[in-house]
Amino acid sequence: MDGLPFSQSCENNKAPILSALMEIFADRQQVLEIASGTGQHACHLARHMPWLRWQPTELPDHLPVLMPRCEVYNGDNLLPPLALDVTERPWPVGIPDALFTANSLHIMPWSAVEAMFETL
């Protein structure tokens, strides 16, 4: 690829996710993405939905995987990635008018999934 961290599952589902979110997020202004991973979804979706401000997040230890792709994103609607552990309170970021996560809940500890939904 281009030397950036890469996830095949992100590549596999980014087009169908974009297709759905174009309608779902049509009237939204800012998205909080939980568990942004490599940043492939964040960059792809932000690029195709320029009206949205996209806030990628990741566990503090995983930020080095997320940062490279976000740093080379060419646009002004992708916010700098933030550290977010959904089990910690309070969250260091507010919850805007949309939330997104993909390829994540099935690999998170169940306690983290519960904590995320408790916050929402």
PDB file of N, CA and C in Angstrom:
ATOM      1  N   MET A   1       0.844  -1.187   0.000  1.00  0.00           N
ATOM      2  CA  MET A   1       0.000   0.000   0.000  1.00  0.00           C
ATOM      3  C   MET A   1       0.886   1.246   0.000  1.00  0.00           C
ATOM      4  N   ASP A   2       0.486   2.219   0.784  1.00  0.00           N
ATOM      5  CA  ASP A   2       1.181   3.498   0.814  1.00  0.00           C
ATOM      6  C   ASP A   2       2.064   3.659   2.044  1.00  0.00           C
ATOM      7  N   GLY A   3       2.340   2.555   2.753  1.00  0.00           N
ATOM      8  CA  GLY A   3       3.162   2.604   3.945  1.00  0.00           C
ATOM      9  C   GLY A   3       2.412   2.966   5.210  1.00  0.00           C
ATOM     10  N   LEU A   4       1.148   3.291   5.104  1.00  0.00           N
ATOM     11  CA  LEU A   4       0.336   3.638   6.270  1.00  0.00           C
ATOM     12  C   LEU A   4      -0.261   2.384   6.883  1.00  0.00           C
ATOM     13  N   PRO A   5      -0.561   2.409   8.180  1.00  0.00           N
ATOM     14  CA  PRO A   5      -1.254   1.261   8.784  1.00  0.00           C
ATOM     15  C   PRO A   5      -2.499   0.925   7.960  1.00  0.00           C
ATOM     16  N   PHE A   6      -2.790  -0.360   7.837  1.00  0.00           N
ATOM     17  CA  PHE A   6      -3.836  -0.809   6.912  1.00  0.00           C
ATOM     18  C   PHE A   6      -4.685  -1.901   7.530  1.00  0.00           C
ATOM     19  N   SER A   7      -5.976  -1.829   7.283  1.00  0.00           N
ATOM     20  CA  SER A   7      -6.923  -2.855   7.707  1.00  0.00           C
ATOM     21  C   SER A   7      -7.740  -3.296   6.498  1.00  0.00           C
ATOM     22  N   GLN A   8      -7.656  -4.571   6.161  1.00  0.00           N
ATOM     23  CA  GLN A   8      -8.419  -5.077   5.018  1.00  0.00           C
ATOM     24  C   GLN A   8      -9.921  -4.978   5.260  1.00  0.00           C
ATOM     25  N   SER A   9     -10.362  -5.201   6.497  1.00  0.00           N
ATOM     26  CA  SER A   9     -11.800  -5.117   6.767  1.00  0.00           C
ATOM     27  C   SER A   9     -12.330  -3.705   6.510  1.00  0.00           C
ATOM     28  N   CYS A  10     -11.542  -2.681   6.798  1.00  0.00           N
ATOM     29  CA  CYS A  10     -11.963  -1.311   6.477  1.00  0.00           C
ATOM     30  C   CYS A  10     -12.113  -1.124   4.975  1.00  0.00           C
ATOM     31  N   GLU A  11     -11.157  -1.620   4.234  1.00  0.00           N
ATOM     32  CA  GLU A  11     -11.253  -1.527   2.778  1.00  0.00           C
ATOM     33  C   GLU A  11     -12.483  -2.252   2.258  1.00  0.00           C
ATOM     34  N   ASN A  12     -12.774  -3.400   2.845  1.00  0.00           N
ATOM     35  CA  ASN A  12     -13.899  -4.210   2.376  1.00  0.00           C
ATOM     36  C   ASN A  12     -15.242  -3.543   2.598  1.00  0.00           C
ATOM     37  N   ASN A  13     -15.393  -2.778   3.681  1.00  0.00           N
ATOM     38  CA  ASN A  13     -16.728  -2.262   3.982  1.00  0.00           C
ATOM     39  C   ASN A  13     -16.871  -0.746   3.890  1.00  0.00           C
ATOM     40  N   LYS A  14     -15.847  -0.035   3.479  1.00  0.00           N
ATOM     41  CA  LYS A  14     -15.953   1.420   3.468  1.00  0.00           C
ATOM     42  C   LYS A  14     -16.971   1.938   2.449  1.00  0.00           C
ATOM     43  N   ALA A  15     -17.103   1.306   1.311  1.00  0.00           N
ATOM     44  CA  ALA A  15     -18.075   1.773   0.310  1.00  0.00           C
ATOM     45  C   ALA A  15     -19.519   1.557   0.769  1.00  0.00           C
ATOM     46  N   PRO A  16     -19.890   0.363   1.262  1.00  0.00           N
ATOM     47  CA  PRO A  16     -21.270   0.217   1.727  1.00  0.00           C
ATOM     48  C   PRO A  16     -21.586   1.086   2.945  1.00  0.00           C
ATOM     49  N   ILE A  17     -20.604   1.292   3.819  1.00  0.00           N
ATOM     50  CA  ILE A  17     -20.825   2.173   4.971  1.00  0.00           C
ATOM     51  C   ILE A  17     -21.069   3.597   4.483  1.00  0.00           C
ATOM     52  N   LEU A  18     -20.246   4.065   3.564  1.00  0.00           N
ATOM     53  CA  LEU A  18     -20.428   5.409   3.014  1.00  0.00           C
ATOM     54  C   LEU A  18     -21.808   5.552   2.391  1.00  0.00           C
ATOM     55  N   SER A  19     -22.230   4.571   1.638  1.00  0.00           N
ATOM     56  CA  SER A  19     -23.540   4.621   0.992  1.00  0.00           C
ATOM     57  C   SER A  19     -24.654   4.810   2.022  1.00  0.00           C
ATOM     58  N   ALA A  20     -24.597   4.081   3.108  1.00  0.00           N
ATOM     59  CA  ALA A  20     -25.615   4.207   4.158  1.00  0.00           C
ATOM     60  C   ALA A  20     -25.509   5.536   4.887  1.00  0.00           C
ATOM     61  N   LEU A  21     -24.283   5.946   5.228  1.00  0.00           N
ATOM     62  CA  LEU A  21     -24.110   7.151   6.028  1.00  0.00           C
ATOM     63  C   LEU A  21     -24.394   8.435   5.261  1.00  0.00           C
ATOM     64  N   MET A  22     -24.288   8.408   3.943  1.00  0.00           N
ATOM     65  CA  MET A  22     -24.624   9.599   3.150  1.00  0.00           C
ATOM     66  C   MET A  22     -26.058  10.026   3.443  1.00  0.00           C
ATOM     67  N   GLU A  23     -26.932   9.089   3.647  1.00  0.00           N
ATOM     68  CA  GLU A  23     -28.327   9.389   3.968  1.00  0.00           C
ATOM     69  C   GLU A  23     -28.511   9.628   5.469  1.00  0.00           C
ATOM     70  N   ILE A  24     -27.953   8.737   6.272  1.00  0.00           N
ATOM     71  CA  ILE A  24     -28.133   8.815   7.728  1.00  0.00           C
ATOM     72  C   ILE A  24     -27.544  10.096   8.305  1.00  0.00           C
ATOM     73  N   PHE A  25     -26.390  10.516   7.798  1.00  0.00           N
ATOM     74  CA  PHE A  25     -25.704  11.696   8.324  1.00  0.00           C
ATOM     75  C   PHE A  25     -25.952  12.959   7.490  1.00  0.00           C
ATOM     76  N   ALA A  26     -26.907  12.914   6.594  1.00  0.00           N
ATOM     77  CA  ALA A  26     -27.156  14.054   5.697  1.00  0.00           C
ATOM     78  C   ALA A  26     -27.442  15.346   6.448  1.00  0.00           C
ATOM     79  N   ASP A  27     -28.106  15.251   7.601  1.00  0.00           N
ATOM     80  CA  ASP A  27     -28.458  16.452   8.361  1.00  0.00           C
ATOM     81  C   ASP A  27     -27.632  16.604   9.639  1.00  0.00           C
ATOM     82  N   ARG A  28     -26.523  15.895   9.722  1.00  0.00           N
ATOM     83  CA  ARG A  28     -25.644  15.968  10.896  1.00  0.00           C
ATOM     84  C   ARG A  28     -24.511  16.943  10.635  1.00  0.00           C
ATOM     85  N   GLN A  29     -23.890  17.409  11.725  1.00  0.00           N
ATOM     86  CA  GLN A  29     -22.793  18.359  11.597  1.00  0.00           C
ATOM     87  C   GLN A  29     -21.455  17.820  12.086  1.00  0.00           C
ATOM     88  N   GLN A  30     -21.481  17.003  13.146  1.00  0.00           N
ATOM     89  CA  GLN A  30     -20.232  16.476  13.686  1.00  0.00           C
ATOM     90  C   GLN A  30     -20.422  15.035  14.134  1.00  0.00           C
ATOM     91  N   VAL A  31     -19.425  14.220  13.826  1.00  0.00           N
ATOM     92  CA  VAL A  31     -19.440  12.803  14.155  1.00  0.00           C
ATOM     93  C   VAL A  31     -18.297  12.491  15.113  1.00  0.00           C
ATOM     94  N   LEU A  32     -18.609  11.747  16.146  1.00  0.00           N
ATOM     95  CA  LEU A  32     -17.592  11.187  17.034  1.00  0.00           C
ATOM     96  C   LEU A  32     -17.417   9.734  16.630  1.00  0.00           C
ATOM     97  N   GLU A  33     -16.218   9.391  16.172  1.00  0.00           N
ATOM     98  CA  GLU A  33     -15.926   8.004  15.818  1.00  0.00           C
ATOM     99  C   GLU A  33     -15.193   7.349  16.979  1.00  0.00           C
ATOM    100  N   ILE A  34     -15.726   6.247  17.433  1.00  0.00           N
ATOM    101  CA  ILE A  34     -15.119   5.481  18.517  1.00  0.00           C
ATOM    102  C   ILE A  34     -14.325   4.337  17.907  1.00  0.00           C
ATOM    103  N   ALA A  35     -13.102   4.172  18.385  1.00  0.00           N
ATOM    104  CA  ALA A  35     -12.215   3.096  17.923  1.00  0.00           C
ATOM    105  C   ALA A  35     -11.915   3.242  16.430  1.00  0.00           C
ATOM    106  N   SER A  36     -11.236   4.317  16.092  1.00  0.00           N
ATOM    107  CA  SER A  36     -10.959   4.647  14.690  1.00  0.00           C
ATOM    108  C   SER A  36      -9.888   3.786  14.043  1.00  0.00           C
ATOM    109  N   GLY A  37      -9.166   3.002  14.830  1.00  0.00           N
ATOM    110  CA  GLY A  37      -8.199   2.055  14.257  1.00  0.00           C
ATOM    111  C   GLY A  37      -7.136   2.722  13.418  1.00  0.00           C
ATOM    112  N   THR A  38      -7.060   2.336  12.156  1.00  0.00           N
ATOM    113  CA  THR A  38      -6.046   2.865  11.239  1.00  0.00           C
ATOM    114  C   THR A  38      -6.405   4.228  10.666  1.00  0.00           C
ATOM    115  N   GLY A  39      -7.634   4.674  10.898  1.00  0.00           N
ATOM    116  CA  GLY A  39      -8.084   5.946  10.338  1.00  0.00           C
ATOM    117  C   GLY A  39      -8.630   5.839   8.931  1.00  0.00           C
ATOM    118  N   GLN A  40      -8.677   4.632   8.374  1.00  0.00           N
ATOM    119  CA  GLN A  40      -9.166   4.472   6.999  1.00  0.00           C
ATOM    120  C   GLN A  40     -10.616   4.928   6.863  1.00  0.00           C
ATOM    121  N   HIS A  41     -11.476   4.507   7.783  1.00  0.00           N
ATOM    122  CA  HIS A  41     -12.869   4.950   7.709  1.00  0.00           C
ATOM    123  C   HIS A  41     -12.957   6.451   7.922  1.00  0.00           C
ATOM    124  N   ALA A  42     -12.278   6.964   8.946  1.00  0.00           N
ATOM    125  CA  ALA A  42     -12.344   8.400   9.244  1.00  0.00           C
ATOM    126  C   ALA A  42     -11.979   9.228   8.020  1.00  0.00           C
ATOM    127  N   CYS A  43     -10.885   8.910   7.389  1.00  0.00           N
ATOM    128  CA  CYS A  43     -10.432   9.696   6.236  1.00  0.00           C
ATOM    129  C   CYS A  43     -11.339   9.508   5.027  1.00  0.00           C
ATOM    130  N   HIS A  44     -11.738   8.296   4.758  1.00  0.00           N
ATOM    131  CA  HIS A  44     -12.606   8.023   3.604  1.00  0.00           C
ATOM    132  C   HIS A  44     -13.955   8.710   3.772  1.00  0.00           C
ATOM    133  N   LEU A  45     -14.557   8.551   4.935  1.00  0.00           N
ATOM    134  CA  LEU A  45     -15.885   9.109   5.155  1.00  0.00           C
ATOM    135  C   LEU A  45     -15.839  10.628   5.235  1.00  0.00           C
ATOM    136  N   ALA A  46     -14.839  11.185   5.901  1.00  0.00           N
ATOM    137  CA  ALA A  46     -14.709  12.644   5.957  1.00  0.00           C
ATOM    138  C   ALA A  46     -14.513  13.229   4.561  1.00  0.00           C
ATOM    139  N   ARG A  47     -13.737  12.550   3.739  1.00  0.00           N
ATOM    140  CA  ARG A  47     -13.474  13.031   2.376  1.00  0.00           C
ATOM    141  C   ARG A  47     -14.766  13.104   1.559  1.00  0.00           C
ATOM    142  N   HIS A  48     -15.640  12.131   1.744  1.00  0.00           N
ATOM    143  CA  HIS A  48     -16.860  12.064   0.941  1.00  0.00           C
ATOM    144  C   HIS A  48     -18.055  12.779   1.574  1.00  0.00           C
ATOM    145  N   MET A  49     -17.904  13.243   2.808  1.00  0.00           N
ATOM    146  CA  MET A  49     -18.969  14.000   3.477  1.00  0.00           C
ATOM    147  C   MET A  49     -18.371  15.277   4.061  1.00  0.00           C
ATOM    148  N   PRO A  50     -17.988  16.208   3.198  1.00  0.00           N
ATOM    149  CA  PRO A  50     -17.249  17.390   3.651  1.00  0.00           C
ATOM    150  C   PRO A  50     -18.045  18.324   4.564  1.00  0.00           C
ATOM    151  N   TRP A  51     -19.343  18.169   4.642  1.00  0.00           N
ATOM    152  CA  TRP A  51     -20.142  19.001   5.542  1.00  0.00           C
ATOM    153  C   TRP A  51     -20.010  18.554   7.003  1.00  0.00           C
ATOM    154  N   LEU A  52     -19.446  17.379   7.223  1.00  0.00           N
ATOM    155  CA  LEU A  52     -19.290  16.837   8.572  1.00  0.00           C
ATOM    156  C   LEU A  52     -17.911  17.140   9.137  1.00  0.00           C
ATOM    157  N   ARG A  53     -17.881  17.487  10.410  1.00  0.00           N
ATOM    158  CA  ARG A  53     -16.612  17.533  11.135  1.00  0.00           C
ATOM    159  C   ARG A  53     -16.477  16.165  11.791  1.00  0.00           C
ATOM    160  N   TRP A  54     -15.399  15.471  11.470  1.00  0.00           N
ATOM    161  CA  TRP A  54     -15.202  14.090  11.900  1.00  0.00           C
ATOM    162  C   TRP A  54     -14.166  14.042  13.013  1.00  0.00           C
ATOM    163  N   GLN A  55     -14.553  13.499  14.177  1.00  0.00           N
ATOM    164  CA  GLN A  55     -13.643  13.398  15.321  1.00  0.00           C
ATOM    165  C   GLN A  55     -13.246  11.948  15.542  1.00  0.00           C
ATOM    166  N   PRO A  56     -12.055  11.554  15.060  1.00  0.00           N
ATOM    167  CA  PRO A  56     -11.584  10.192  15.319  1.00  0.00           C
ATOM    168  C   PRO A  56     -11.054  10.068  16.746  1.00  0.00           C
ATOM    169  N   THR A  57     -11.253   8.882  17.329  1.00  0.00           N
ATOM    170  CA  THR A  57     -10.717   8.595  18.657  1.00  0.00           C
ATOM    171  C   THR A  57     -10.164   7.178  18.677  1.00  0.00           C
ATOM    172  N   GLU A  58      -9.307   6.944  19.644  1.00  0.00           N
ATOM    173  CA  GLU A  58      -8.729   5.606  19.808  1.00  0.00           C
ATOM    174  C   GLU A  58      -8.181   5.517  21.225  1.00  0.00           C
ATOM    175  N   LEU A  59      -8.006   4.299  21.694  1.00  0.00           N
ATOM    176  CA  LEU A  59      -7.355   4.095  22.987  1.00  0.00           C
ATOM    177  C   LEU A  59      -5.981   4.772  22.969  1.00  0.00           C
ATOM    178  N   PRO A  60      -5.548   5.310  24.097  1.00  0.00           N
ATOM    179  CA  PRO A  60      -4.261   6.016  24.114  1.00  0.00           C
ATOM    180  C   PRO A  60      -3.102   5.202  23.518  1.00  0.00           C
ATOM    181  N   ASP A  61      -3.028   3.922  23.840  1.00  0.00           N
ATOM    182  CA  ASP A  61      -1.929   3.085  23.331  1.00  0.00           C
ATOM    183  C   ASP A  61      -2.029   2.826  21.833  1.00  0.00           C
ATOM    184  N   HIS A  62      -3.196   3.056  21.231  1.00  0.00           N
ATOM    185  CA  HIS A  62      -3.398   2.783  19.808  1.00  0.00           C
ATOM    186  C   HIS A  62      -3.317   4.033  18.936  1.00  0.00           C
ATOM    187  N   LEU A  63      -3.158   5.189  19.557  1.00  0.00           N
ATOM    188  CA  LEU A  63      -3.050   6.428  18.780  1.00  0.00           C
ATOM    189  C   LEU A  63      -1.909   6.401  17.752  1.00  0.00           C
ATOM    190  N   PRO A  64      -0.761   5.776  18.037  1.00  0.00           N
ATOM    191  CA  PRO A  64       0.294   5.732  17.019  1.00  0.00           C
ATOM    192  C   PRO A  64      -0.114   5.028  15.717  1.00  0.00           C
ATOM    193  N   VAL A  65      -1.102   4.170  15.773  1.00  0.00           N
ATOM    194  CA  VAL A  65      -1.597   3.519  14.554  1.00  0.00           C
ATOM    195  C   VAL A  65      -2.556   4.454  13.812  1.00  0.00           C
ATOM    196  N   LEU A  66      -3.330   5.230  14.537  1.00  0.00           N
ATOM    197  CA  LEU A  66      -4.315   6.137  13.951  1.00  0.00           C
ATOM    198  C   LEU A  66      -3.691   7.403  13.370  1.00  0.00           C
ATOM    199  N   MET A  67      -2.724   7.945  14.037  1.00  0.00           N
ATOM    200  CA  MET A  67      -2.178   9.262  13.686  1.00  0.00           C
ATOM    201  C   MET A  67      -1.629   9.386  12.266  1.00  0.00           C
ATOM    202  N   PRO A  68      -0.846   8.438  11.757  1.00  0.00           N
ATOM    203  CA  PRO A  68      -0.214   8.665  10.450  1.00  0.00           C
ATOM    204  C   PRO A  68      -1.195   8.979   9.324  1.00  0.00           C
ATOM    205  N   ARG A  69      -2.272   8.226   9.213  1.00  0.00           N
ATOM    206  CA  ARG A  69      -3.234   8.454   8.129  1.00  0.00           C
ATOM    207  C   ARG A  69      -3.948   9.796   8.326  1.00  0.00           C
ATOM    208  N   CYS A  70      -4.296  10.104   9.562  1.00  0.00           N
ATOM    209  CA  CYS A  70      -4.978  11.377   9.838  1.00  0.00           C
ATOM    210  C   CYS A  70      -4.072  12.563   9.532  1.00  0.00           C
ATOM    211  N   GLU A  71      -2.789  12.415   9.791  1.00  0.00           N
ATOM    212  CA  GLU A  71      -1.843  13.504   9.554  1.00  0.00           C
ATOM    213  C   GLU A  71      -1.691  13.831   8.070  1.00  0.00           C
ATOM    214  N   VAL A  72      -1.919  12.864   7.190  1.00  0.00           N
ATOM    215  CA  VAL A  72      -1.778  13.122   5.753  1.00  0.00           C
ATOM    216  C   VAL A  72      -3.120  13.391   5.077  1.00  0.00           C
ATOM    217  N   TYR A  73      -4.204  13.379   5.842  1.00  0.00           N
ATOM    218  CA  TYR A  73      -5.524  13.687   5.277  1.00  0.00           C
ATOM    219  C   TYR A  73      -5.519  15.102   4.722  1.00  0.00           C
ATOM    220  N   ASN A  74      -6.035  15.248   3.518  1.00  0.00           N
ATOM    221  CA  ASN A  74      -6.048  16.542   2.850  1.00  0.00           C
ATOM    222  C   ASN A  74      -7.458  17.122   2.894  1.00  0.00           C
ATOM    223  N   GLY A  75      -7.769  17.805   3.957  1.00  0.00           N
ATOM    224  CA  GLY A  75      -9.081  18.427   4.128  1.00  0.00           C
ATOM    225  C   GLY A  75      -9.124  19.094   5.483  1.00  0.00           C
ATOM    226  N   ASP A  76     -10.154  19.903   5.692  1.00  0.00           N
ATOM    227  CA  ASP A  76     -10.226  20.633   6.952  1.00  0.00           C
ATOM    228  C   ASP A  76     -11.354  20.148   7.859  1.00  0.00           C
ATOM    229  N   ASN A  77     -11.999  19.050   7.523  1.00  0.00           N
ATOM    230  CA  ASN A  77     -13.117  18.572   8.340  1.00  0.00           C
ATOM    231  C   ASN A  77     -12.778  17.357   9.200  1.00  0.00           C
ATOM    232  N   LEU A  78     -11.529  16.930   9.190  1.00  0.00           N
ATOM    233  CA  LEU A  78     -11.084  15.841  10.058  1.00  0.00           C
ATOM    234  C   LEU A  78     -10.332  16.465  11.227  1.00  0.00           C
ATOM    235  N   LEU A  79     -10.893  16.322  12.415  1.00  0.00           N
ATOM    236  CA  LEU A  79     -10.284  16.885  13.611  1.00  0.00           C
ATOM    237  C   LEU A  79      -9.099  16.025  14.060  1.00  0.00           C
ATOM    238  N   PRO A  80      -8.166  16.596  14.793  1.00  0.00           N
ATOM    239  CA  PRO A  80      -7.040  15.797  15.286  1.00  0.00           C
ATOM    240  C   PRO A  80      -7.549  14.657  16.177  1.00  0.00           C
ATOM    241  N   PRO A  81      -7.003  13.466  16.011  1.00  0.00           N
ATOM    242  CA  PRO A  81      -7.434  12.323  16.819  1.00  0.00           C
ATOM    243  C   PRO A  81      -7.255  12.583  18.313  1.00  0.00           C
ATOM    244  N   LEU A  82      -8.196  12.054  19.072  1.00  0.00           N
ATOM    245  CA  LEU A  82      -8.150  12.166  20.526  1.00  0.00           C
ATOM    246  C   LEU A  82      -8.080  10.779  21.155  1.00  0.00           C
ATOM    247  N   ALA A  83      -7.466  10.723  22.315  1.00  0.00           N
ATOM    248  CA  ALA A  83      -7.461   9.487  23.099  1.00  0.00           C
ATOM    249  C   ALA A  83      -8.816   9.343  23.775  1.00  0.00           C
ATOM    250  N   LEU A  84      -9.402   8.162  23.667  1.00  0.00           N
ATOM    251  CA  LEU A  84     -10.674   7.883  24.327  1.00  0.00           C
ATOM    252  C   LEU A  84     -10.716   6.422  24.740  1.00  0.00           C
ATOM    253  N   ASP A  85     -10.838   6.227  26.022  1.00  0.00           N
ATOM    254  CA  ASP A  85     -11.109   4.915  26.585  1.00  0.00           C
ATOM    255  C   ASP A  85     -12.546   4.992  27.082  1.00  0.00           C
ATOM    256  N   VAL A  86     -13.456   4.280  26.439  1.00  0.00           N
ATOM    257  CA  VAL A  86     -14.886   4.413  26.745  1.00  0.00           C
ATOM    258  C   VAL A  86     -15.236   3.978  28.160  1.00  0.00           C
ATOM    259  N   THR A  87     -14.312   3.293  28.836  1.00  0.00           N
ATOM    260  CA  THR A  87     -14.602   2.851  30.198  1.00  0.00           C
ATOM    261  C   THR A  87     -14.279   3.921  31.238  1.00  0.00           C
ATOM    262  N   GLU A  88     -13.569   4.966  30.839  1.00  0.00           N
ATOM    263  CA  GLU A  88     -13.200   6.018  31.781  1.00  0.00           C
ATOM    264  C   GLU A  88     -14.243   7.126  31.785  1.00  0.00           C
ATOM    265  N   ARG A  89     -14.451   7.704  32.945  1.00  0.00           N
ATOM    266  CA  ARG A  89     -15.411   8.790  33.098  1.00  0.00           C
ATOM    267  C   ARG A  89     -14.706  10.000  33.681  1.00  0.00           C
ATOM    268  N   PRO A  90     -15.031  11.186  33.295  1.00  0.00           N
ATOM    269  CA  PRO A  90     -15.872  11.486  32.147  1.00  0.00           C
ATOM    270  C   PRO A  90     -15.081  11.326  30.854  1.00  0.00           C
ATOM    271  N   TRP A  91     -15.797  11.211  29.742  1.00  0.00           N
ATOM    272  CA  TRP A  91     -15.115  11.168  28.449  1.00  0.00           C
ATOM    273  C   TRP A  91     -14.452  12.516  28.197  1.00  0.00           C
ATOM    274  N   PRO A  92     -13.276  12.533  27.579  1.00  0.00           N
ATOM    275  CA  PRO A  92     -12.566  13.794  27.343  1.00  0.00           C
ATOM    276  C   PRO A  92     -13.114  14.575  26.142  1.00  0.00           C
ATOM    277  N   VAL A  93     -14.190  14.092  25.576  1.00  0.00           N
ATOM    278  CA  VAL A  93     -14.787  14.725  24.405  1.00  0.00           C
ATOM    279  C   VAL A  93     -16.300  14.645  24.551  1.00  0.00           C
ATOM    280  N   GLY A  94     -16.975  15.699  24.116  1.00  0.00           N
ATOM    281  CA  GLY A  94     -18.427  15.689  24.147  1.00  0.00           C
ATOM    282  C   GLY A  94     -18.992  14.795  23.057  1.00  0.00           C
ATOM    283  N   ILE A  95     -20.232  14.424  23.230  1.00  0.00           N
ATOM    284  CA  ILE A  95     -20.905  13.604  22.229  1.00  0.00           C
ATOM    285  C   ILE A  95     -21.686  14.545  21.318  1.00  0.00           C
ATOM    286  N   PRO A  96     -21.272  14.660  20.053  1.00  0.00           N
ATOM    287  CA  PRO A  96     -21.954  15.573  19.126  1.00  0.00           C
ATOM    288  C   PRO A  96     -23.271  14.962  18.642  1.00  0.00           C
ATOM    289  N   ASP A  97     -23.723  15.357  17.484  1.00  0.00           N
ATOM    290  CA  ASP A  97     -25.023  14.897  17.001  1.00  0.00           C
ATOM    291  C   ASP A  97     -24.982  13.579  16.227  1.00  0.00           C
ATOM    292  N   ALA A  98     -23.825  12.950  16.150  1.00  0.00           N
ATOM    293  CA  ALA A  98     -23.734  11.639  15.500  1.00  0.00           C
ATOM    294  C   ALA A  98     -22.567  10.855  16.095  1.00  0.00           C
ATOM    295  N   LEU A  99     -22.727   9.548  16.118  1.00  0.00           N
ATOM    296  CA  LEU A  99     -21.711   8.640  16.632  1.00  0.00           C
ATOM    297  C   LEU A  99     -21.519   7.534  15.614  1.00  0.00           C
ATOM    298  N   PHE A 100     -20.261   7.119  15.426  1.00  0.00           N
ATOM    299  CA  PHE A 100     -19.961   6.057  14.470  1.00  0.00           C
ATOM    300  C   PHE A 100     -18.883   5.156  15.044  1.00  0.00           C
ATOM    301  N   THR A 101     -19.033   3.883  14.821  1.00  0.00           N
ATOM    302  CA  THR A 101     -17.982   2.918  15.093  1.00  0.00           C
ATOM    303  C   THR A 101     -18.194   1.736  14.163  1.00  0.00           C
ATOM    304  N   ALA A 102     -17.119   1.156  13.703  1.00  0.00           N
ATOM    305  CA  ALA A 102     -17.200  -0.014  12.818  1.00  0.00           C
ATOM    306  C   ALA A 102     -16.017  -0.927  13.096  1.00  0.00           C
ATOM    307  N   ASN A 103     -16.222  -2.209  12.901  1.00  0.00           N
ATOM    308  CA  ASN A 103     -15.154  -3.197  13.088  1.00  0.00           C
ATOM    309  C   ASN A 103     -14.565  -3.112  14.491  1.00  0.00           C
ATOM    310  N   SER A 104     -15.401  -2.800  15.481  1.00  0.00           N
ATOM    311  CA  SER A 104     -14.845  -2.530  16.802  1.00  0.00           C
ATOM    312  C   SER A 104     -15.534  -3.269  17.945  1.00  0.00           C
ATOM    313  N   LEU A 105     -16.830  -3.223  18.023  1.00  0.00           N
ATOM    314  CA  LEU A 105     -17.516  -3.747  19.202  1.00  0.00           C
ATOM    315  C   LEU A 105     -17.254  -5.228  19.418  1.00  0.00           C
ATOM    316  N   HIS A 106     -17.091  -5.976  18.358  1.00  0.00           N
ATOM    317  CA  HIS A 106     -16.862  -7.419  18.502  1.00  0.00           C
ATOM    318  C   HIS A 106     -15.459  -7.761  19.016  1.00  0.00           C
ATOM    319  N   ILE A 107     -14.559  -6.784  19.005  1.00  0.00           N
ATOM    320  CA  ILE A 107     -13.211  -7.057  19.531  1.00  0.00           C
ATOM    321  C   ILE A 107     -12.933  -6.316  20.842  1.00  0.00           C
ATOM    322  N   MET A 108     -13.874  -5.461  21.247  1.00  0.00           N
ATOM    323  CA  MET A 108     -13.738  -4.759  22.522  1.00  0.00           C
ATOM    324  C   MET A 108     -14.145  -5.693  23.655  1.00  0.00           C
ATOM    325  N   PRO A 109     -13.553  -5.539  24.835  1.00  0.00           N
ATOM    326  CA  PRO A 109     -14.058  -6.299  25.982  1.00  0.00           C
ATOM    327  C   PRO A 109     -15.526  -5.938  26.210  1.00  0.00           C
ATOM    328  N   TRP A 110     -16.316  -6.919  26.635  1.00  0.00           N
ATOM    329  CA  TRP A 110     -17.736  -6.682  26.837  1.00  0.00           C
ATOM    330  C   TRP A 110     -17.969  -5.527  27.815  1.00  0.00           C
ATOM    331  N   SER A 111     -17.117  -5.393  28.822  1.00  0.00           N
ATOM    332  CA  SER A 111     -17.265  -4.293  29.776  1.00  0.00           C
ATOM    333  C   SER A 111     -17.132  -2.934  29.083  1.00  0.00           C
ATOM    334  N   ALA A 112     -16.300  -2.849  28.065  1.00  0.00           N
ATOM    335  CA  ALA A 112     -16.146  -1.601  27.313  1.00  0.00           C
ATOM    336  C   ALA A 112     -17.390  -1.311  26.472  1.00  0.00           C
ATOM    337  N   VAL A 113     -17.950  -2.340  25.872  1.00  0.00           N
ATOM    338  CA  VAL A 113     -19.182  -2.160  25.089  1.00  0.00           C
ATOM    339  C   VAL A 113     -20.298  -1.655  26.000  1.00  0.00           C
ATOM    340  N   GLU A 114     -20.438  -2.281  27.162  1.00  0.00           N
ATOM    341  CA  GLU A 114     -21.462  -1.847  28.116  1.00  0.00           C
ATOM    342  C   GLU A 114     -21.218  -0.410  28.567  1.00  0.00           C
ATOM    343  N   ALA A 115     -19.981  -0.079  28.849  1.00  0.00           N
ATOM    344  CA  ALA A 115     -19.634   1.272  29.296  1.00  0.00           C
ATOM    345  C   ALA A 115     -19.950   2.299  28.218  1.00  0.00           C
ATOM    346  N   MET A 116     -19.681   1.965  26.982  1.00  0.00           N
ATOM    347  CA  MET A 116     -19.964   2.889  25.889  1.00  0.00           C
ATOM    348  C   MET A 116     -21.465   3.163  25.825  1.00  0.00           C
ATOM    349  N   PHE A 117     -22.275   2.127  25.849  1.00  0.00           N
ATOM    350  CA  PHE A 117     -23.712   2.316  25.753  1.00  0.00           C
ATOM    351  C   PHE A 117     -24.292   2.986  26.990  1.00  0.00           C
ATOM    352  N   GLU A 118     -23.697   2.781  28.130  1.00  0.00           N
ATOM    353  CA  GLU A 118     -24.152   3.475  29.353  1.00  0.00           C
ATOM    354  C   GLU A 118     -23.942   4.977  29.222  1.00  0.00           C
ATOM    355  N   THR A 119     -22.872   5.376  28.573  1.00  0.00           N
ATOM    356  CA  THR A 119     -22.571   6.801  28.399  1.00  0.00           C
ATOM    357  C   THR A 119     -23.523   7.445  27.406  1.00  0.00           C
ATOM    358  N   LEU A 120     -23.925   6.671  26.409  1.00  0.00           N
ATOM    359  CA  LEU A 120     -24.801   7.225  25.380  1.00  0.00           C
ATOM    360  C   LEU A 120     -26.208   7.310  25.900  1.00  0.00           C
TER     361      LEU A 120
END
